[in-house]
Amino acid sequence: MTVTTASVPKIGRHFRIQWEEAQQAYVLLYPEGMVKLNQSAGEILKRCSGETSVAGIVDDLEKTFNAQGLQQDVINFVELARQQKWVDVT
């Protein structure tokens, strides 16, 4: 499945995202370890609730950060996250 603006990503069932104060970053936790996320990845993944489409995530990010033109970057990241099994996409 290719990620599109209509895709609805959700954090994979073996993963959990949380803010890690000691790291001053979002991290993705899984049974075998942890992935420290950069700011962009953390902001995207924390919006992957399974209820919001990629288009909705882009809209929220652009409003939150007063930015434009994020659509392709978000699609590319969600595709990468899907390949890593960090997210499931419907």
PDB file of N, CA and C in Angstrom:
ATOM      1  N   MET A   1       0.841  -1.191   0.000  1.00  0.00           N
ATOM      2  CA  MET A   1       0.000   0.000   0.000  1.00  0.00           C
ATOM      3  C   MET A   1       0.879   1.246   0.000  1.00  0.00           C
ATOM      4  N   THR A   2       0.635   2.122  -0.924  1.00  0.00           N
ATOM      5  CA  THR A   2       1.356   3.378  -0.996  1.00  0.00           C
ATOM      6  C   THR A   2       0.670   4.406  -0.105  1.00  0.00           C
ATOM      7  N   VAL A   3       1.448   5.187   0.599  1.00  0.00           N
ATOM      8  CA  VAL A   3       0.902   6.223   1.476  1.00  0.00           C
ATOM      9  C   VAL A   3       0.448   7.405   0.624  1.00  0.00           C
ATOM     10  N   THR A   4      -0.781   7.855   0.863  1.00  0.00           N
ATOM     11  CA  THR A   4      -1.343   9.022   0.189  1.00  0.00           C
ATOM     12  C   THR A   4      -1.901   9.973   1.246  1.00  0.00           C
ATOM     13  N   THR A   5      -2.430  11.099   0.802  1.00  0.00           N
ATOM     14  CA  THR A   5      -3.025  12.044   1.749  1.00  0.00           C
ATOM     15  C   THR A   5      -4.265  11.462   2.412  1.00  0.00           C
ATOM     16  N   ALA A   6      -4.888  10.460   1.790  1.00  0.00           N
ATOM     17  CA  ALA A   6      -6.079   9.826   2.370  1.00  0.00           C
ATOM     18  C   ALA A   6      -5.727   8.717   3.356  1.00  0.00           C
ATOM     19  N   SER A   7      -4.474   8.298   3.385  1.00  0.00           N
ATOM     20  CA  SER A   7      -4.043   7.232   4.305  1.00  0.00           C
ATOM     21  C   SER A   7      -4.212   7.677   5.753  1.00  0.00           C
ATOM     22  N   VAL A   8      -4.523   6.716   6.609  1.00  0.00           N
ATOM     23  CA  VAL A   8      -4.700   6.990   8.038  1.00  0.00           C
ATOM     24  C   VAL A   8      -3.682   6.151   8.812  1.00  0.00           C
ATOM     25  N   PRO A   9      -2.584   6.780   9.268  1.00  0.00           N
ATOM     26  CA  PRO A   9      -1.553   6.029   9.994  1.00  0.00           C
ATOM     27  C   PRO A   9      -1.850   5.914  11.489  1.00  0.00           C
ATOM     28  N   LYS A  10      -1.423   4.794  12.044  1.00  0.00           N
ATOM     29  CA  LYS A  10      -1.575   4.536  13.478  1.00  0.00           C
ATOM     30  C   LYS A  10      -0.290   3.872  13.959  1.00  0.00           C
ATOM     31  N   ILE A  11       0.184   4.276  15.129  1.00  0.00           N
ATOM     32  CA  ILE A  11       1.392   3.670  15.691  1.00  0.00           C
ATOM     33  C   ILE A  11       1.201   2.151  15.741  1.00  0.00           C
ATOM     34  N   GLY A  12       2.225   1.423  15.301  1.00  0.00           N
ATOM     35  CA  GLY A  12       2.169  -0.039  15.278  1.00  0.00           C
ATOM     36  C   GLY A  12       1.910  -0.612  16.659  1.00  0.00           C
ATOM     37  N   ARG A  13       1.303  -1.774  16.708  1.00  0.00           N
ATOM     38  CA  ARG A  13       0.852  -2.336  17.989  1.00  0.00           C
ATOM     39  C   ARG A  13       1.995  -2.700  18.930  1.00  0.00           C
ATOM     40  N   HIS A  14       3.192  -2.866  18.430  1.00  0.00           N
ATOM     41  CA  HIS A  14       4.325  -3.203  19.292  1.00  0.00           C
ATOM     42  C   HIS A  14       5.147  -1.970  19.683  1.00  0.00           C
ATOM     43  N   PHE A  15       4.627  -0.793  19.346  1.00  0.00           N
ATOM     44  CA  PHE A  15       5.368   0.449  19.594  1.00  0.00           C
ATOM     45  C   PHE A  15       4.543   1.401  20.448  1.00  0.00           C
ATOM     46  N   ARG A  16       5.255   2.299  21.112  1.00  0.00           N
ATOM     47  CA  ARG A  16       4.607   3.356  21.892  1.00  0.00           C
ATOM     48  C   ARG A  16       5.475   4.596  21.777  1.00  0.00           C
ATOM     49  N   ILE A  17       4.855   5.732  21.513  1.00  0.00           N
ATOM     50  CA  ILE A  17       5.598   6.981  21.441  1.00  0.00           C
ATOM     51  C   ILE A  17       5.382   7.739  22.744  1.00  0.00           C
ATOM     52  N   GLN A  18       6.457   8.343  23.242  1.00  0.00           N
ATOM     53  CA  GLN A  18       6.329   9.156  24.451  1.00  0.00           C
ATOM     54  C   GLN A  18       7.445  10.190  24.487  1.00  0.00           C
ATOM     55  N   TRP A  19       7.194  11.260  25.235  1.00  0.00           N
ATOM     56  CA  TRP A  19       8.204  12.291  25.463  1.00  0.00           C
ATOM     57  C   TRP A  19       9.154  11.776  26.531  1.00  0.00           C
ATOM     58  N   GLU A  20      10.419  11.828  26.280  1.00  0.00           N
ATOM     59  CA  GLU A  20      11.436  11.370  27.231  1.00  0.00           C
ATOM     60  C   GLU A  20      12.200  12.599  27.719  1.00  0.00           C
ATOM     61  N   GLU A  21      11.903  13.008  28.935  1.00  0.00           N
ATOM     62  CA  GLU A  21      12.497  14.227  29.495  1.00  0.00           C
ATOM     63  C   GLU A  21      14.021  14.155  29.482  1.00  0.00           C
ATOM     64  N   ALA A  22      14.582  13.017  29.876  1.00  0.00           N
ATOM     65  CA  ALA A  22      16.048  12.874  29.929  1.00  0.00           C
ATOM     66  C   ALA A  22      16.688  13.075  28.560  1.00  0.00           C
ATOM     67  N   GLN A  23      15.978  12.683  27.504  1.00  0.00           N
ATOM     68  CA  GLN A  23      16.496  12.817  26.135  1.00  0.00           C
ATOM     69  C   GLN A  23      16.113  14.162  25.517  1.00  0.00           C
ATOM     70  N   GLN A  24      15.135  14.842  26.136  1.00  0.00           N
ATOM     71  CA  GLN A  24      14.555  16.069  25.576  1.00  0.00           C
ATOM     72  C   GLN A  24      14.089  15.823  24.148  1.00  0.00           C
ATOM     73  N   ALA A  25      13.427  14.669  23.959  1.00  0.00           N
ATOM     74  CA  ALA A  25      12.956  14.274  22.635  1.00  0.00           C
ATOM     75  C   ALA A  25      11.856  13.227  22.775  1.00  0.00           C
ATOM     76  N   TYR A  26      11.073  13.094  21.697  1.00  0.00           N
ATOM     77  CA  TYR A  26      10.141  11.973  21.637  1.00  0.00           C
ATOM     78  C   TYR A  26      10.940  10.723  21.322  1.00  0.00           C
ATOM     79  N   VAL A  27      10.491   9.617  21.882  1.00  0.00           N
ATOM     80  CA  VAL A  27      11.120   8.327  21.606  1.00  0.00           C
ATOM     81  C   VAL A  27      10.018   7.350  21.217  1.00  0.00           C
ATOM     82  N   LEU A  28      10.409   6.374  20.433  1.00  0.00           N
ATOM     83  CA  LEU A  28       9.526   5.298  20.048  1.00  0.00           C
ATOM     84  C   LEU A  28      10.020   4.058  20.765  1.00  0.00           C
ATOM     85  N   LEU A  29       9.202   3.568  21.685  1.00  0.00           N
ATOM     86  CA  LEU A  29       9.582   2.410  22.490  1.00  0.00           C
ATOM     87  C   LEU A  29       9.014   1.137  21.880  1.00  0.00           C
ATOM     88  N   TYR A  30       9.776   0.070  21.957  1.00  0.00           N
ATOM     89  CA  TYR A  30       9.336  -1.245  21.507  1.00  0.00           C
ATOM     90  C   TYR A  30      10.014  -2.282  22.387  1.00  0.00           C
ATOM     91  N   PRO A  31       9.545  -3.536  22.376  1.00  0.00           N
ATOM     92  CA  PRO A  31      10.060  -4.522  23.335  1.00  0.00           C
ATOM     93  C   PRO A  31      11.581  -4.682  23.347  1.00  0.00           C
ATOM     94  N   GLU A  32      12.228  -4.527  22.211  1.00  0.00           N
ATOM     95  CA  GLU A  32      13.670  -4.740  22.159  1.00  0.00           C
ATOM     96  C   GLU A  32      14.485  -3.468  22.356  1.00  0.00           C
ATOM     97  N   GLY A  33      13.833  -2.316  22.474  1.00  0.00           N
ATOM     98  CA  GLY A  33      14.626  -1.102  22.619  1.00  0.00           C
ATOM     99  C   GLY A  33      13.851   0.184  22.430  1.00  0.00           C
ATOM    100  N   MET A  34      14.578   1.171  21.910  1.00  0.00           N
ATOM    101  CA  MET A  34      14.042   2.520  21.795  1.00  0.00           C
ATOM    102  C   MET A  34      14.682   3.217  20.600  1.00  0.00           C
ATOM    103  N   VAL A  35      13.894   4.051  19.921  1.00  0.00           N
ATOM    104  CA  VAL A  35      14.399   4.890  18.845  1.00  0.00           C
ATOM    105  C   VAL A  35      14.198   6.329  19.288  1.00  0.00           C
ATOM    106  N   LYS A  36      15.277   7.096  19.363  1.00  0.00           N
ATOM    107  CA  LYS A  36      15.168   8.530  19.660  1.00  0.00           C
ATOM    108  C   LYS A  36      14.811   9.235  18.367  1.00  0.00           C
ATOM    109  N   LEU A  37      13.734  10.005  18.397  1.00  0.00           N
ATOM    110  CA  LEU A  37      13.230  10.670  17.205  1.00  0.00           C
ATOM    111  C   LEU A  37      13.685  12.120  17.146  1.00  0.00           C
ATOM    112  N   ASN A  38      13.953  12.599  15.943  1.00  0.00           N
ATOM    113  CA  ASN A  38      14.221  14.033  15.822  1.00  0.00           C
ATOM    114  C   ASN A  38      12.889  14.764  15.960  1.00  0.00           C
ATOM    115  N   GLN A  39      12.929  16.080  16.027  1.00  0.00           N
ATOM    116  CA  GLN A  39      11.719  16.844  16.303  1.00  0.00           C
ATOM    117  C   GLN A  39      10.637  16.596  15.252  1.00  0.00           C
ATOM    118  N   SER A  40      11.011  16.607  13.980  1.00  0.00           N
ATOM    119  CA  SER A  40      10.021  16.416  12.910  1.00  0.00           C
ATOM    120  C   SER A  40       9.353  15.050  13.010  1.00  0.00           C
ATOM    121  N   ALA A  41      10.147  14.007  13.193  1.00  0.00           N
ATOM    122  CA  ALA A  41       9.606  12.658  13.301  1.00  0.00           C
ATOM    123  C   ALA A  41       8.672  12.551  14.504  1.00  0.00           C
ATOM    124  N   GLY A  42       9.070  13.122  15.627  1.00  0.00           N
ATOM    125  CA  GLY A  42       8.229  13.088  16.821  1.00  0.00           C
ATOM    126  C   GLY A  42       6.901  13.791  16.614  1.00  0.00           C
ATOM    127  N   GLU A  43       6.943  14.947  15.966  1.00  0.00           N
ATOM    128  CA  GLU A  43       5.712  15.706  15.729  1.00  0.00           C
ATOM    129  C   GLU A  43       4.768  14.957  14.792  1.00  0.00           C
ATOM    130  N   ILE A  44       5.317  14.279  13.795  1.00  0.00           N
ATOM    131  CA  ILE A  44       4.471  13.506  12.885  1.00  0.00           C
ATOM    132  C   ILE A  44       3.911  12.283  13.603  1.00  0.00           C
ATOM    133  N   LEU A  45       4.788  11.496  14.237  1.00  0.00           N
ATOM    134  CA  LEU A  45       4.333  10.246  14.851  1.00  0.00           C
ATOM    135  C   LEU A  45       3.342  10.468  15.985  1.00  0.00           C
ATOM    136  N   LYS A  46       3.488  11.542  16.739  1.00  0.00           N
ATOM    137  CA  LYS A  46       2.537  11.745  17.835  1.00  0.00           C
ATOM    138  C   LYS A  46       1.140  12.063  17.320  1.00  0.00           C
ATOM    139  N   ARG A  47       1.024  12.380  16.039  1.00  0.00           N
ATOM    140  CA  ARG A  47      -0.275  12.640  15.422  1.00  0.00           C
ATOM    141  C   ARG A  47      -0.849  11.400  14.727  1.00  0.00           C
ATOM    142  N   CYS A  48      -0.113  10.314  14.733  1.00  0.00           N
ATOM    143  CA  CYS A  48      -0.555   9.072  14.080  1.00  0.00           C
ATOM    144  C   CYS A  48      -1.436   8.273  15.030  1.00  0.00           C
ATOM    145  N   SER A  49      -2.663   8.714  15.163  1.00  0.00           N
ATOM    146  CA  SER A  49      -3.594   8.152  16.143  1.00  0.00           C
ATOM    147  C   SER A  49      -4.503   7.071  15.572  1.00  0.00           C
ATOM    148  N   GLY A  50      -4.490   6.917  14.248  1.00  0.00           N
ATOM    149  CA  GLY A  50      -5.435   6.009  13.624  1.00  0.00           C
ATOM    150  C   GLY A  50      -6.774   6.665  13.364  1.00  0.00           C
ATOM    151  N   GLU A  51      -6.879   7.955  13.678  1.00  0.00           N
ATOM    152  CA  GLU A  51      -8.126   8.697  13.476  1.00  0.00           C
ATOM    153  C   GLU A  51      -7.969   9.842  12.491  1.00  0.00           C
ATOM    154  N   THR A  52      -6.740  10.222  12.192  1.00  0.00           N
ATOM    155  CA  THR A  52      -6.470  11.378  11.351  1.00  0.00           C
ATOM    156  C   THR A  52      -5.731  10.949  10.096  1.00  0.00           C
ATOM    157  N   SER A  53      -6.178  11.451   8.961  1.00  0.00           N
ATOM    158  CA  SER A  53      -5.521  11.137   7.698  1.00  0.00           C
ATOM    159  C   SER A  53      -4.200  11.899   7.594  1.00  0.00           C
ATOM    160  N   VAL A  54      -3.396  11.495   6.641  1.00  0.00           N
ATOM    161  CA  VAL A  54      -2.147  12.216   6.377  1.00  0.00           C
ATOM    162  C   VAL A  54      -2.462  13.679   6.048  1.00  0.00           C
ATOM    163  N   ALA A  55      -3.520  13.921   5.279  1.00  0.00           N
ATOM    164  CA  ALA A  55      -3.912  15.295   4.961  1.00  0.00           C
ATOM    165  C   ALA A  55      -4.204  16.090   6.235  1.00  0.00           C
ATOM    166  N   GLY A  56      -4.895  15.467   7.184  1.00  0.00           N
ATOM    167  CA  GLY A  56      -5.187  16.128   8.458  1.00  0.00           C
ATOM    168  C   GLY A  56      -3.933  16.389   9.271  1.00  0.00           C
ATOM    169  N   ILE A  57      -2.998  15.443   9.236  1.00  0.00           N
ATOM    170  CA  ILE A  57      -1.727  15.618   9.947  1.00  0.00           C
ATOM    171  C   ILE A  57      -0.957  16.777   9.339  1.00  0.00           C
ATOM    172  N   VAL A  58      -0.906  16.830   8.015  1.00  0.00           N
ATOM    173  CA  VAL A  58      -0.215  17.930   7.323  1.00  0.00           C
ATOM    174  C   VAL A  58      -0.843  19.261   7.699  1.00  0.00           C
ATOM    175  N   ASP A  59      -2.167  19.321   7.663  1.00  0.00           N
ATOM    176  CA  ASP A  59      -2.875  20.556   8.002  1.00  0.00           C
ATOM    177  C   ASP A  59      -2.545  21.004   9.422  1.00  0.00           C
ATOM    178  N   ASP A  60      -2.569  20.062  10.356  1.00  0.00           N
ATOM    179  CA  ASP A  60      -2.271  20.391  11.753  1.00  0.00           C
ATOM    180  C   ASP A  60      -0.828  20.873  11.913  1.00  0.00           C
ATOM    181  N   LEU A  61       0.106  20.201  11.272  1.00  0.00           N
ATOM    182  CA  LEU A  61       1.518  20.608  11.361  1.00  0.00           C
ATOM    183  C   LEU A  61       1.729  21.992  10.757  1.00  0.00           C
ATOM    184  N   GLU A  62       1.114  22.243   9.604  1.00  0.00           N
ATOM    185  CA  GLU A  62       1.290  23.544   8.953  1.00  0.00           C
ATOM    186  C   GLU A  62       0.709  24.669   9.799  1.00  0.00           C
ATOM    187  N   LYS A  63      -0.420  24.418  10.465  1.00  0.00           N
ATOM    188  CA  LYS A  63      -1.004  25.432  11.354  1.00  0.00           C
ATOM    189  C   LYS A  63      -0.153  25.610  12.603  1.00  0.00           C
ATOM    190  N   THR A  64       0.252  24.503  13.214  1.00  0.00           N
ATOM    191  CA  THR A  64       1.029  24.561  14.452  1.00  0.00           C
ATOM    192  C   THR A  64       2.352  25.280  14.275  1.00  0.00           C
ATOM    193  N   PHE A  65       3.023  25.012  13.161  1.00  0.00           N
ATOM    194  CA  PHE A  65       4.367  25.562  12.953  1.00  0.00           C
ATOM    195  C   PHE A  65       4.393  26.704  11.940  1.00  0.00           C
ATOM    196  N   ASN A  66       3.200  27.212  11.574  1.00  0.00           N
ATOM    197  CA  ASN A  66       3.099  28.316  10.633  1.00  0.00           C
ATOM    198  C   ASN A  66       3.984  28.065   9.411  1.00  0.00           C
ATOM    199  N   ALA A  67       3.776  26.905   8.801  1.00  0.00           N
ATOM    200  CA  ALA A  67       4.590  26.472   7.664  1.00  0.00           C
ATOM    201  C   ALA A  67       3.676  26.046   6.523  1.00  0.00           C
ATOM    202  N   GLN A  68       4.254  25.931   5.348  1.00  0.00           N
ATOM    203  CA  GLN A  68       3.513  25.439   4.190  1.00  0.00           C
ATOM    204  C   GLN A  68       4.395  24.482   3.411  1.00  0.00           C
ATOM    205  N   GLY A  69       3.756  23.658   2.593  1.00  0.00           N
ATOM    206  CA  GLY A  69       4.500  22.769   1.719  1.00  0.00           C
ATOM    207  C   GLY A  69       5.063  21.530   2.397  1.00  0.00           C
ATOM    208  N   LEU A  70       4.420  21.074   3.487  1.00  0.00           N
ATOM    209  CA  LEU A  70       4.938  19.918   4.222  1.00  0.00           C
ATOM    210  C   LEU A  70       4.401  18.579   3.713  1.00  0.00           C
ATOM    211  N   GLN A  71       3.438  18.615   2.799  1.00  0.00           N
ATOM    212  CA  GLN A  71       2.743  17.390   2.413  1.00  0.00           C
ATOM    213  C   GLN A  71       3.686  16.279   1.957  1.00  0.00           C
ATOM    214  N   GLN A  72       4.580  16.550   1.026  1.00  0.00           N
ATOM    215  CA  GLN A  72       5.430  15.475   0.503  1.00  0.00           C
ATOM    216  C   GLN A  72       6.390  14.955   1.571  1.00  0.00           C
ATOM    217  N   ASP A  73       6.905  15.840   2.423  1.00  0.00           N
ATOM    218  CA  ASP A  73       7.795  15.395   3.501  1.00  0.00           C
ATOM    219  C   ASP A  73       7.063  14.461   4.463  1.00  0.00           C
ATOM    220  N   VAL A  74       5.818  14.798   4.797  1.00  0.00           N
ATOM    221  CA  VAL A  74       5.036  13.954   5.710  1.00  0.00           C
ATOM    222  C   VAL A  74       4.732  12.612   5.044  1.00  0.00           C
ATOM    223  N   ILE A  75       4.321  12.632   3.788  1.00  0.00           N
ATOM    224  CA  ILE A  75       4.055  11.381   3.072  1.00  0.00           C
ATOM    225  C   ILE A  75       5.308  10.515   3.057  1.00  0.00           C
ATOM    226  N   ASN A  76       6.449  11.107   2.730  1.00  0.00           N
ATOM    227  CA  ASN A  76       7.704  10.349   2.674  1.00  0.00           C
ATOM    228  C   ASN A  76       8.042   9.745   4.026  1.00  0.00           C
ATOM    229  N   PHE A  77       7.869  10.519   5.103  1.00  0.00           N
ATOM    230  CA  PHE A  77       8.189  10.000   6.430  1.00  0.00           C
ATOM    231  C   PHE A  77       7.232   8.884   6.834  1.00  0.00           C
ATOM    232  N   VAL A  78       5.939   9.069   6.592  1.00  0.00           N
ATOM    233  CA  VAL A  78       4.967   8.033   6.965  1.00  0.00           C
ATOM    234  C   VAL A  78       5.259   6.753   6.170  1.00  0.00           C
ATOM    235  N   GLU A  79       5.667   6.881   4.924  1.00  0.00           N
ATOM    236  CA  GLU A  79       6.035   5.707   4.131  1.00  0.00           C
ATOM    237  C   GLU A  79       7.241   5.004   4.754  1.00  0.00           C
ATOM    238  N   LEU A  80       8.242   5.767   5.143  1.00  0.00           N
ATOM    239  CA  LEU A  80       9.417   5.195   5.813  1.00  0.00           C
ATOM    240  C   LEU A  80       9.006   4.513   7.113  1.00  0.00           C
ATOM    241  N   ALA A  81       8.162   5.183   7.903  1.00  0.00           N
ATOM    242  CA  ALA A  81       7.696   4.613   9.170  1.00  0.00           C
ATOM    243  C   ALA A  81       6.894   3.337   8.930  1.00  0.00           C
ATOM    244  N   ARG A  82       6.129   3.296   7.846  1.00  0.00           N
ATOM    245  CA  ARG A  82       5.375   2.081   7.498  1.00  0.00           C
ATOM    246  C   ARG A  82       6.338   0.942   7.160  1.00  0.00           C
ATOM    247  N   GLN A  83       7.363   1.249   6.394  1.00  0.00           N
ATOM    248  CA  GLN A  83       8.344   0.230   6.033  1.00  0.00           C
ATOM    249  C   GLN A  83       9.084  -0.319   7.267  1.00  0.00           C
ATOM    250  N   GLN A  84       9.306   0.537   8.252  1.00  0.00           N
ATOM    251  CA  GLN A  84       9.968   0.140   9.494  1.00  0.00           C
ATOM    252  C   GLN A  84       9.003  -0.545  10.467  1.00  0.00           C
ATOM    253  N   LYS A  85       7.714  -0.557  10.071  1.00  0.00           N
ATOM    254  CA  LYS A  85       6.625  -1.133  10.887  1.00  0.00           C
ATOM    255  C   LYS A  85       6.344  -0.304  12.146  1.00  0.00           C
ATOM    256  N   TRP A  86       6.776   0.962  12.145  1.00  0.00           N
ATOM    257  CA  TRP A  86       6.464   1.864  13.245  1.00  0.00           C
ATOM    258  C   TRP A  86       4.999   2.236  13.212  1.00  0.00           C
ATOM    259  N   VAL A  87       4.410   2.277  12.006  1.00  0.00           N
ATOM    260  CA  VAL A  87       2.995   2.609  11.862  1.00  0.00           C
ATOM    261  C   VAL A  87       2.318   1.595  10.955  1.00  0.00           C
ATOM    262  N   ASP A  88       1.034   1.432  11.186  1.00  0.00           N
ATOM    263  CA  ASP A  88       0.159   0.692  10.277  1.00  0.00           C
ATOM    264  C   ASP A  88      -0.653   1.743   9.544  1.00  0.00           C
ATOM    265  N   VAL A  89      -0.902   1.508   8.268  1.00  0.00           N
ATOM    266  CA  VAL A  89      -1.617   2.494   7.449  1.00  0.00           C
ATOM    267  C   VAL A  89      -2.851   1.853   6.830  1.00  0.00           C
ATOM    268  N   THR A  90      -3.972   2.559   6.965  1.00  0.00           N
ATOM    269  CA  THR A  90      -5.214   2.092   6.327  1.00  0.00           C
ATOM    270  C   THR A  90      -5.694   3.129   5.348  1.00  0.00           C
TER     271      THR A  90
END
